[in-house]
Amino acid sequence: MTYCLGILTKEGLVMAADSRTNAGVDYISTYRKLFDFSIDNDRTILLCTSGNLSITQSALTLMQQDITAKAEVSLHTLPSMFEIARYIGNMIRQVQEQNRPWLEKDGIDYNCTVLLGGQIRGSEPELFMIYSQGNFIQASKEKPFLQIGEAKYGKPILDRVLSFETSIESAAKCALLSIDSTMISNISVGPPINLVMYEANSFKVRYRLSLNIDAPYLTQIRQQWGKCLNEAFEQMPNIDWQHYLNGDT
């Protein structure tokens, strides 16, 4: 399993992903799920992947081959983020069609999902979620974040804290807390956590980090968040049992 998320704000984009691909009883493996295909001063292209690892690896390899071969159509030549989302969806379908008969034969799930975030010069930053079928949806001011993988544990803080007006620094902090909350509740999501913060119209990824489970900052926010939650819980009023035992509503 995995957990990745993208956040769109008026100040730019945040993309974050864990790195766990397997979490068996005696075998844990990791693989990077956040990828940067940017060209400084021209376009920022960030991808997060979840689902069948062989499918996403193959699709990423083919996309890199198109870039290396200077193909007419690639992540570096398409004129809009919308066209890039269509290109990625087509690439996923192509790889799935090649592998599907053999994967289905052995009952292996071949589905995958990709988050695409970035900006091409002349347009605003955009964020997409691309499904296995090749179709996609786009984040908006009303819905400024998208999640893939094990999303449920990290969603409450996003729903309560984020809006399109949230500062990009706060969005990055929220993303880390969302992933950390997921790691606490689900062993299939794990470190290192990779995070990118992109400032709108900079056309350069200046801020990126990779945090292991014992990273000082991750430890600090985990402890502080846990303390704040416990303090907030203690401040909640107790149930007025007598009120309800008397039949009041």
C-alpha atoms as a PDB file:
ATOM      1  CA  MET A   1       0.000   0.000   0.000  1.00  0.00           C
ATOM      2  CA  THR A   2       1.022   3.639  -0.104  1.00  0.00           C
ATOM      3  CA  TYR A   3      -0.130   7.140   0.671  1.00  0.00           C
ATOM      4  CA  CYS A   4       0.520  10.173  -1.523  1.00  0.00           C
ATOM      5  CA  LEU A   5      -1.107  13.561  -1.609  1.00  0.00           C
ATOM      6  CA  GLY A   6      -0.993  16.798  -3.525  1.00  0.00           C
ATOM      7  CA  ILE A   7      -2.104  20.195  -2.245  1.00  0.00           C
ATOM      8  CA  LEU A   8      -2.892  23.213  -4.431  1.00  0.00           C
ATOM      9  CA  THR A   9      -2.846  26.688  -2.851  1.00  0.00           C
ATOM     10  CA  LYS A  10      -2.771  30.243  -4.121  1.00  0.00           C
ATOM     11  CA  GLU A  11       0.982  30.234  -3.391  1.00  0.00           C
ATOM     12  CA  GLY A  12       1.877  27.003  -5.195  1.00  0.00           C
ATOM     13  CA  LEU A  13       1.935  23.245  -4.757  1.00  0.00           C
ATOM     14  CA  VAL A  14       2.903  20.655  -2.165  1.00  0.00           C
ATOM     15  CA  MET A  15       3.462  17.024  -3.174  1.00  0.00           C
ATOM     16  CA  ALA A  16       4.246  14.315  -0.631  1.00  0.00           C
ATOM     17  CA  ALA A  17       4.566  10.525  -0.580  1.00  0.00           C
ATOM     18  CA  ASP A  18       5.648   7.699   1.659  1.00  0.00           C
ATOM     19  CA  SER A  19       8.026   5.007   0.355  1.00  0.00           C
ATOM     20  CA  ARG A  20       6.648   1.664   1.549  1.00  0.00           C
ATOM     21  CA  THR A  21       5.750  -0.938  -1.072  1.00  0.00           C
ATOM     22  CA  ASN A  22       5.395  -4.030   1.115  1.00  0.00           C
ATOM     23  CA  ALA A  23       4.806  -4.560   4.814  1.00  0.00           C
ATOM     24  CA  GLY A  24       4.649  -8.279   5.530  1.00  0.00           C
ATOM     25  CA  VAL A  25       5.364  -9.891   8.861  1.00  0.00           C
ATOM     26  CA  ASP A  26       9.046 -10.402   8.100  1.00  0.00           C
ATOM     27  CA  TYR A  27       9.625  -8.385   4.913  1.00  0.00           C
ATOM     28  CA  ILE A  28       9.414  -4.620   4.413  1.00  0.00           C
ATOM     29  CA  SER A  29      10.526  -2.952   1.190  1.00  0.00           C
ATOM     30  CA  THR A  30      10.654   0.653   0.038  1.00  0.00           C
ATOM     31  CA  TYR A  31      10.554   2.431  -3.305  1.00  0.00           C
ATOM     32  CA  ARG A  32      10.490   6.118  -4.114  1.00  0.00           C
ATOM     33  CA  LYS A  33       7.036   7.284  -5.261  1.00  0.00           C
ATOM     34  CA  LEU A  34       7.624  11.008  -5.838  1.00  0.00           C
ATOM     35  CA  PHE A  35       9.321  11.931  -9.126  1.00  0.00           C
ATOM     36  CA  ASP A  36      10.484  15.216 -10.630  1.00  0.00           C
ATOM     37  CA  PHE A  37      10.514  15.739 -14.417  1.00  0.00           C
ATOM     38  CA  SER A  38      10.891  19.517 -14.279  1.00  0.00           C
ATOM     39  CA  ILE A  39      12.816  21.854 -16.581  1.00  0.00           C
ATOM     40  CA  ASP A  40      14.069  24.908 -14.712  1.00  0.00           C
ATOM     41  CA  ASN A  41      12.600  28.184 -15.936  1.00  0.00           C
ATOM     42  CA  ASP A  42      10.157  26.417 -18.264  1.00  0.00           C
ATOM     43  CA  ARG A  43       7.965  23.865 -16.489  1.00  0.00           C
ATOM     44  CA  THR A  44       7.574  22.055 -13.181  1.00  0.00           C
ATOM     45  CA  ILE A  45       6.317  18.458 -13.505  1.00  0.00           C
ATOM     46  CA  LEU A  46       5.888  16.362 -10.316  1.00  0.00           C
ATOM     47  CA  LEU A  47       4.420  12.849 -10.167  1.00  0.00           C
ATOM     48  CA  CYS A  48       3.342  10.618  -7.269  1.00  0.00           C
ATOM     49  CA  THR A  49       2.440   6.976  -7.914  1.00  0.00           C
ATOM     50  CA  SER A  50       0.459   4.272  -6.142  1.00  0.00           C
ATOM     51  CA  GLY A  51      -0.829   0.821  -7.018  1.00  0.00           C
ATOM     52  CA  ASN A  52       0.862  -1.930  -9.011  1.00  0.00           C
ATOM     53  CA  LEU A  53       4.576  -1.144  -8.867  1.00  0.00           C
ATOM     54  CA  SER A  54       5.505  -2.923 -12.083  1.00  0.00           C
ATOM     55  CA  ILE A  55       2.907  -0.919 -14.031  1.00  0.00           C
ATOM     56  CA  THR A  56       3.988   2.453 -12.626  1.00  0.00           C
ATOM     57  CA  GLN A  57       7.697   1.651 -13.044  1.00  0.00           C
ATOM     58  CA  SER A  58       7.163   0.676 -16.671  1.00  0.00           C
ATOM     59  CA  ALA A  59       5.093   3.785 -17.406  1.00  0.00           C
ATOM     60  CA  LEU A  60       7.713   6.040 -15.789  1.00  0.00           C
ATOM     61  CA  THR A  61      10.474   4.332 -17.780  1.00  0.00           C
ATOM     62  CA  LEU A  62       8.617   4.857 -21.062  1.00  0.00           C
ATOM     63  CA  MET A  63       8.023   8.509 -20.233  1.00  0.00           C
ATOM     64  CA  GLN A  64      11.713   8.983 -19.459  1.00  0.00           C
ATOM     65  CA  GLN A  65      12.627   7.239 -22.720  1.00  0.00           C
ATOM     66  CA  ASP A  66      10.449   9.710 -24.647  1.00  0.00           C
ATOM     67  CA  ILE A  67      12.302  12.577 -22.965  1.00  0.00           C
ATOM     68  CA  THR A  68      15.721  11.061 -23.631  1.00  0.00           C
ATOM     69  CA  ALA A  69      14.869  10.347 -27.271  1.00  0.00           C
ATOM     70  CA  LYS A  70      13.550  13.903 -27.661  1.00  0.00           C
ATOM     71  CA  ALA A  71      10.271  12.496 -28.919  1.00  0.00           C
ATOM     72  CA  GLU A  72       7.774  14.885 -30.448  1.00  0.00           C
ATOM     73  CA  VAL A  73       5.356  14.118 -27.609  1.00  0.00           C
ATOM     74  CA  SER A  74       6.729  13.936 -24.082  1.00  0.00           C
ATOM     75  CA  LEU A  75       6.471  15.483 -20.620  1.00  0.00           C
ATOM     76  CA  HIS A  76       8.883  18.147 -21.872  1.00  0.00           C
ATOM     77  CA  THR A  77       7.054  19.094 -25.082  1.00  0.00           C
ATOM     78  CA  LEU A  78       3.334  19.061 -24.359  1.00  0.00           C
ATOM     79  CA  PRO A  79       1.889  22.591 -24.110  1.00  0.00           C
ATOM     80  CA  SER A  80      -0.426  22.220 -21.088  1.00  0.00           C
ATOM     81  CA  MET A  81      -0.847  20.253 -17.872  1.00  0.00           C
ATOM     82  CA  PHE A  82      -4.139  18.937 -19.261  1.00  0.00           C
ATOM     83  CA  GLU A  83      -2.327  17.435 -22.266  1.00  0.00           C
ATOM     84  CA  ILE A  84       0.326  15.980 -19.950  1.00  0.00           C
ATOM     85  CA  ALA A  85      -2.404  14.327 -17.849  1.00  0.00           C
ATOM     86  CA  ARG A  86      -3.858  12.761 -21.033  1.00  0.00           C
ATOM     87  CA  TYR A  87      -0.390  11.576 -22.099  1.00  0.00           C
ATOM     88  CA  ILE A  88       0.237   9.907 -18.727  1.00  0.00           C
ATOM     89  CA  GLY A  89      -3.193   8.265 -18.809  1.00  0.00           C
ATOM     90  CA  ASN A  90      -2.510   6.877 -22.286  1.00  0.00           C
ATOM     91  CA  MET A  91       0.880   5.576 -21.158  1.00  0.00           C
ATOM     92  CA  ILE A  92      -0.669   3.754 -18.196  1.00  0.00           C
ATOM     93  CA  ARG A  93      -3.289   2.169 -20.455  1.00  0.00           C
ATOM     94  CA  GLN A  94      -0.605   1.072 -22.902  1.00  0.00           C
ATOM     95  CA  VAL A  95       1.422  -0.694 -20.209  1.00  0.00           C
ATOM     96  CA  GLN A  96      -1.673  -2.293 -18.693  1.00  0.00           C
ATOM     97  CA  GLU A  97      -2.821  -3.687 -22.017  1.00  0.00           C
ATOM     98  CA  GLN A  98       0.561  -5.338 -22.507  1.00  0.00           C
ATOM     99  CA  ASN A  99       0.602  -6.942 -19.065  1.00  0.00           C
ATOM    100  CA  ARG A 100      -3.042  -7.464 -18.177  1.00  0.00           C
ATOM    101  CA  PRO A 101      -3.531 -11.042 -19.512  1.00  0.00           C
ATOM    102  CA  TRP A 102      -0.615 -12.369 -17.471  1.00  0.00           C
ATOM    103  CA  LEU A 103      -1.465 -10.429 -14.336  1.00  0.00           C
ATOM    104  CA  GLU A 104      -5.131 -11.471 -14.500  1.00  0.00           C
ATOM    105  CA  LYS A 105      -4.073 -15.081 -14.977  1.00  0.00           C
ATOM    106  CA  ASP A 106      -2.386 -15.055 -11.578  1.00  0.00           C
ATOM    107  CA  GLY A 107      -5.005 -12.876  -9.902  1.00  0.00           C
ATOM    108  CA  ILE A 108      -2.685  -9.866  -9.532  1.00  0.00           C
ATOM    109  CA  ASP A 109      -4.224  -6.409  -9.226  1.00  0.00           C
ATOM    110  CA  TYR A 110      -2.865  -4.282 -12.071  1.00  0.00           C
ATOM    111  CA  ASN A 111      -4.549  -0.996 -11.132  1.00  0.00           C
ATOM    112  CA  CYS A 112      -2.573   2.137 -10.322  1.00  0.00           C
ATOM    113  CA  THR A 113      -3.158   5.841  -9.765  1.00  0.00           C
ATOM    114  CA  VAL A 114      -0.946   8.878 -10.392  1.00  0.00           C
ATOM    115  CA  LEU A 115      -0.945  12.390  -8.985  1.00  0.00           C
ATOM    116  CA  LEU A 116       0.330  15.037 -11.390  1.00  0.00           C
ATOM    117  CA  GLY A 117       1.174  18.487 -10.120  1.00  0.00           C
ATOM    118  CA  GLY A 118       3.032  21.342 -11.723  1.00  0.00           C
ATOM    119  CA  GLN A 119       3.032  24.460 -13.821  1.00  0.00           C
ATOM    120  CA  ILE A 120       3.921  25.308 -17.401  1.00  0.00           C
ATOM    121  CA  ARG A 121       5.047  28.852 -18.193  1.00  0.00           C
ATOM    122  CA  GLY A 122       2.073  30.921 -19.240  1.00  0.00           C
ATOM    123  CA  SER A 123      -0.433  29.040 -17.071  1.00  0.00           C
ATOM    124  CA  GLU A 124      -1.305  28.625 -13.391  1.00  0.00           C
ATOM    125  CA  PRO A 125      -0.187  25.690 -11.175  1.00  0.00           C
ATOM    126  CA  GLU A 126      -2.491  22.683 -11.539  1.00  0.00           C
ATOM    127  CA  LEU A 127      -3.047  19.359  -9.802  1.00  0.00           C
ATOM    128  CA  PHE A 128      -4.584  16.170 -11.312  1.00  0.00           C
ATOM    129  CA  MET A 129      -5.423  12.636 -10.212  1.00  0.00           C
ATOM    130  CA  ILE A 130      -5.036  10.135 -13.089  1.00  0.00           C
ATOM    131  CA  TYR A 131      -6.814   6.779 -12.811  1.00  0.00           C
ATOM    132  CA  SER A 132      -5.879   3.384 -14.238  1.00  0.00           C
ATOM    133  CA  GLN A 133      -8.452   3.825 -16.990  1.00  0.00           C
ATOM    134  CA  GLY A 134      -6.585   6.920 -18.175  1.00  0.00           C
ATOM    135  CA  ASN A 135      -9.251   9.419 -17.162  1.00  0.00           C
ATOM    136  CA  PHE A 136      -8.553  12.050 -14.545  1.00  0.00           C
ATOM    137  CA  ILE A 137      -9.938  14.712 -12.236  1.00  0.00           C
ATOM    138  CA  GLN A 138      -8.498  18.102 -11.307  1.00  0.00           C
ATOM    139  CA  ALA A 139      -8.114  19.881  -7.976  1.00  0.00           C
ATOM    140  CA  SER A 140      -9.874  23.224  -7.594  1.00  0.00           C
ATOM    141  CA  LYS A 141     -10.150  26.139  -5.199  1.00  0.00           C
ATOM    142  CA  GLU A 142     -13.113  24.356  -3.598  1.00  0.00           C
ATOM    143  CA  LYS A 143     -11.263  21.007  -3.422  1.00  0.00           C
ATOM    144  CA  PRO A 144      -7.568  21.967  -3.113  1.00  0.00           C
ATOM    145  CA  PHE A 145      -6.106  18.558  -2.292  1.00  0.00           C
ATOM    146  CA  LEU A 146      -6.060  15.089  -3.844  1.00  0.00           C
ATOM    147  CA  GLN A 147      -5.015  11.790  -2.238  1.00  0.00           C
ATOM    148  CA  ILE A 148      -4.109   8.348  -3.560  1.00  0.00           C
ATOM    149  CA  GLY A 149      -3.496   5.077  -1.749  1.00  0.00           C
ATOM    150  CA  GLU A 150      -4.339   4.706   1.943  1.00  0.00           C
ATOM    151  CA  ALA A 151      -6.120   8.045   2.232  1.00  0.00           C
ATOM    152  CA  LYS A 152      -8.629   7.716   5.069  1.00  0.00           C
ATOM    153  CA  TYR A 153      -6.398   8.163   8.119  1.00  0.00           C
ATOM    154  CA  GLY A 154      -4.746  11.308   6.832  1.00  0.00           C
ATOM    155  CA  LYS A 155      -7.875  12.972   5.472  1.00  0.00           C
ATOM    156  CA  PRO A 156      -9.421  14.487   8.660  1.00  0.00           C
ATOM    157  CA  ILE A 157      -6.636  17.022   9.210  1.00  0.00           C
ATOM    158  CA  LEU A 158      -6.759  18.019   5.535  1.00  0.00           C
ATOM    159  CA  ASP A 159     -10.525  18.564   5.703  1.00  0.00           C
ATOM    160  CA  ARG A 160     -10.278  20.672   8.843  1.00  0.00           C
ATOM    161  CA  VAL A 161      -7.170  22.744   8.100  1.00  0.00           C
ATOM    162  CA  LEU A 162      -6.710  23.231   4.362  1.00  0.00           C
ATOM    163  CA  SER A 163      -8.193  25.736   1.955  1.00  0.00           C
ATOM    164  CA  PHE A 164      -6.952  27.309  -1.249  1.00  0.00           C
ATOM    165  CA  GLU A 165      -5.956  30.348   0.854  1.00  0.00           C
ATOM    166  CA  THR A 166      -3.706  28.302   3.169  1.00  0.00           C
ATOM    167  CA  SER A 167      -0.068  29.382   3.022  1.00  0.00           C
ATOM    168  CA  ILE A 168       2.227  26.979   1.219  1.00  0.00           C
ATOM    169  CA  GLU A 169       4.345  26.575   4.375  1.00  0.00           C
ATOM    170  CA  SER A 170       1.262  25.539   6.345  1.00  0.00           C
ATOM    171  CA  ALA A 171       0.204  23.192   3.548  1.00  0.00           C
ATOM    172  CA  ALA A 172       3.612  21.458   3.694  1.00  0.00           C
ATOM    173  CA  LYS A 173       3.335  21.060   7.467  1.00  0.00           C
ATOM    174  CA  CYS A 174      -0.213  19.727   7.081  1.00  0.00           C
ATOM    175  CA  ALA A 175       0.961  17.205   4.475  1.00  0.00           C
ATOM    176  CA  LEU A 176       3.601  15.803   6.845  1.00  0.00           C
ATOM    177  CA  LEU A 177       1.093  15.523   9.698  1.00  0.00           C
ATOM    178  CA  SER A 178      -1.351  13.783   7.361  1.00  0.00           C
ATOM    179  CA  ILE A 179       1.228  11.184   6.347  1.00  0.00           C
ATOM    180  CA  ASP A 180       2.459  10.726   9.927  1.00  0.00           C
ATOM    181  CA  SER A 181      -1.120  10.162  11.122  1.00  0.00           C
ATOM    182  CA  THR A 182      -1.491   7.506   8.442  1.00  0.00           C
ATOM    183  CA  MET A 183       1.766   5.770   9.408  1.00  0.00           C
ATOM    184  CA  ILE A 184       0.617   5.536  13.030  1.00  0.00           C
ATOM    185  CA  SER A 185      -2.640   3.828  12.020  1.00  0.00           C
ATOM    186  CA  ASN A 186      -1.468   1.666   9.101  1.00  0.00           C
ATOM    187  CA  ILE A 187       1.761  -0.317   8.876  1.00  0.00           C
ATOM    188  CA  SER A 188       1.500  -0.462   5.080  1.00  0.00           C
ATOM    189  CA  VAL A 189       2.491   3.222   4.915  1.00  0.00           C
ATOM    190  CA  GLY A 190       6.042   4.013   5.969  1.00  0.00           C
ATOM    191  CA  PRO A 191       9.164   6.157   5.625  1.00  0.00           C
ATOM    192  CA  PRO A 192      11.119   7.714   4.104  1.00  0.00           C
ATOM    193  CA  ILE A 193       8.639  10.518   3.515  1.00  0.00           C
ATOM    194  CA  ASN A 194       9.462  12.596   0.440  1.00  0.00           C
ATOM    195  CA  LEU A 195       8.058  16.100   0.173  1.00  0.00           C
ATOM    196  CA  VAL A 196       8.328  18.899  -2.383  1.00  0.00           C
ATOM    197  CA  MET A 197       7.136  22.475  -1.931  1.00  0.00           C
ATOM    198  CA  TYR A 198       6.856  24.445  -5.172  1.00  0.00           C
ATOM    199  CA  GLU A 199       6.322  28.204  -5.226  1.00  0.00           C
ATOM    200  CA  ALA A 200       3.999  29.374  -8.003  1.00  0.00           C
ATOM    201  CA  ASN A 201       5.701  31.070 -10.970  1.00  0.00           C
ATOM    202  CA  SER A 202       9.195  30.223  -9.741  1.00  0.00           C
ATOM    203  CA  PHE A 203       9.619  27.397 -12.306  1.00  0.00           C
ATOM    204  CA  LYS A 204      12.215  25.829 -10.051  1.00  0.00           C
ATOM    205  CA  VAL A 205      11.813  23.286  -7.237  1.00  0.00           C
ATOM    206  CA  ARG A 206      13.785  24.914  -4.423  1.00  0.00           C
ATOM    207  CA  TYR A 207      12.371  23.013  -1.465  1.00  0.00           C
ATOM    208  CA  ARG A 208      12.513  19.234  -1.142  1.00  0.00           C
ATOM    209  CA  LEU A 209      13.240  16.851   1.693  1.00  0.00           C
ATOM    210  CA  SER A 210      13.305  13.175   2.617  1.00  0.00           C
ATOM    211  CA  LEU A 211      12.534  12.239   6.219  1.00  0.00           C
ATOM    212  CA  ASN A 212      13.269   8.915   7.882  1.00  0.00           C
ATOM    213  CA  ILE A 213      11.184   7.772  10.836  1.00  0.00           C
ATOM    214  CA  ASP A 214      13.736   9.146  13.316  1.00  0.00           C
ATOM    215  CA  ALA A 215      14.191  12.542  11.620  1.00  0.00           C
ATOM    216  CA  PRO A 216      14.248  15.219  14.352  1.00  0.00           C
ATOM    217  CA  TYR A 217      11.573  17.399  12.747  1.00  0.00           C
ATOM    218  CA  LEU A 218       9.222  14.462  12.156  1.00  0.00           C
ATOM    219  CA  THR A 219       9.706  13.359  15.765  1.00  0.00           C
ATOM    220  CA  GLN A 220       9.030  16.900  16.974  1.00  0.00           C
ATOM    221  CA  ILE A 221       5.773  17.409  15.095  1.00  0.00           C
ATOM    222  CA  ARG A 222       4.559  13.889  15.961  1.00  0.00           C
ATOM    223  CA  GLN A 223       5.074  14.489  19.663  1.00  0.00           C
ATOM    224  CA  GLN A 224       3.627  18.007  19.564  1.00  0.00           C
ATOM    225  CA  TRP A 225       0.590  16.932  17.537  1.00  0.00           C
ATOM    226  CA  GLY A 226      -0.079  14.033  19.905  1.00  0.00           C
ATOM    227  CA  LYS A 227       0.203  16.365  22.903  1.00  0.00           C
ATOM    228  CA  CYS A 228      -2.163  18.907  21.342  1.00  0.00           C
ATOM    229  CA  LEU A 229      -4.737  16.227  20.500  1.00  0.00           C
ATOM    230  CA  ASN A 230      -4.660  14.867  24.046  1.00  0.00           C
ATOM    231  CA  GLU A 231      -5.020  18.351  25.521  1.00  0.00           C
ATOM    232  CA  ALA A 232      -7.943  19.101  23.215  1.00  0.00           C
ATOM    233  CA  PHE A 233      -9.578  15.793  24.148  1.00  0.00           C
ATOM    234  CA  GLU A 234      -9.277  16.537  27.862  1.00  0.00           C
ATOM    235  CA  GLN A 235     -11.028  19.884  27.310  1.00  0.00           C
ATOM    236  CA  MET A 236     -14.082  18.259  25.716  1.00  0.00           C
ATOM    237  CA  PRO A 237     -17.098  18.239  28.095  1.00  0.00           C
ATOM    238  CA  ASN A 238     -18.067  14.919  29.631  1.00  0.00           C
ATOM    239  CA  ILE A 239     -21.344  13.270  28.671  1.00  0.00           C
ATOM    240  CA  ASP A 240     -24.220  14.498  30.810  1.00  0.00           C
ATOM    241  CA  TRP A 241     -25.594  11.028  31.566  1.00  0.00           C
ATOM    242  CA  GLN A 242     -28.286  12.283  33.967  1.00  0.00           C
ATOM    243  CA  HIS A 243     -29.702  14.510  31.247  1.00  0.00           C
ATOM    244  CA  TYR A 244     -30.244  11.524  28.953  1.00  0.00           C
ATOM    245  CA  LEU A 245     -31.338   9.118  31.719  1.00  0.00           C
ATOM    246  CA  ASN A 246     -34.191  11.560  32.436  1.00  0.00           C
ATOM    247  CA  GLY A 247     -35.374  11.097  28.871  1.00  0.00           C
ATOM    248  CA  ASP A 248     -34.244  14.499  27.624  1.00  0.00           C
ATOM    249  CA  THR A 249     -32.976  14.859  24.092  1.00  0.00           C
END
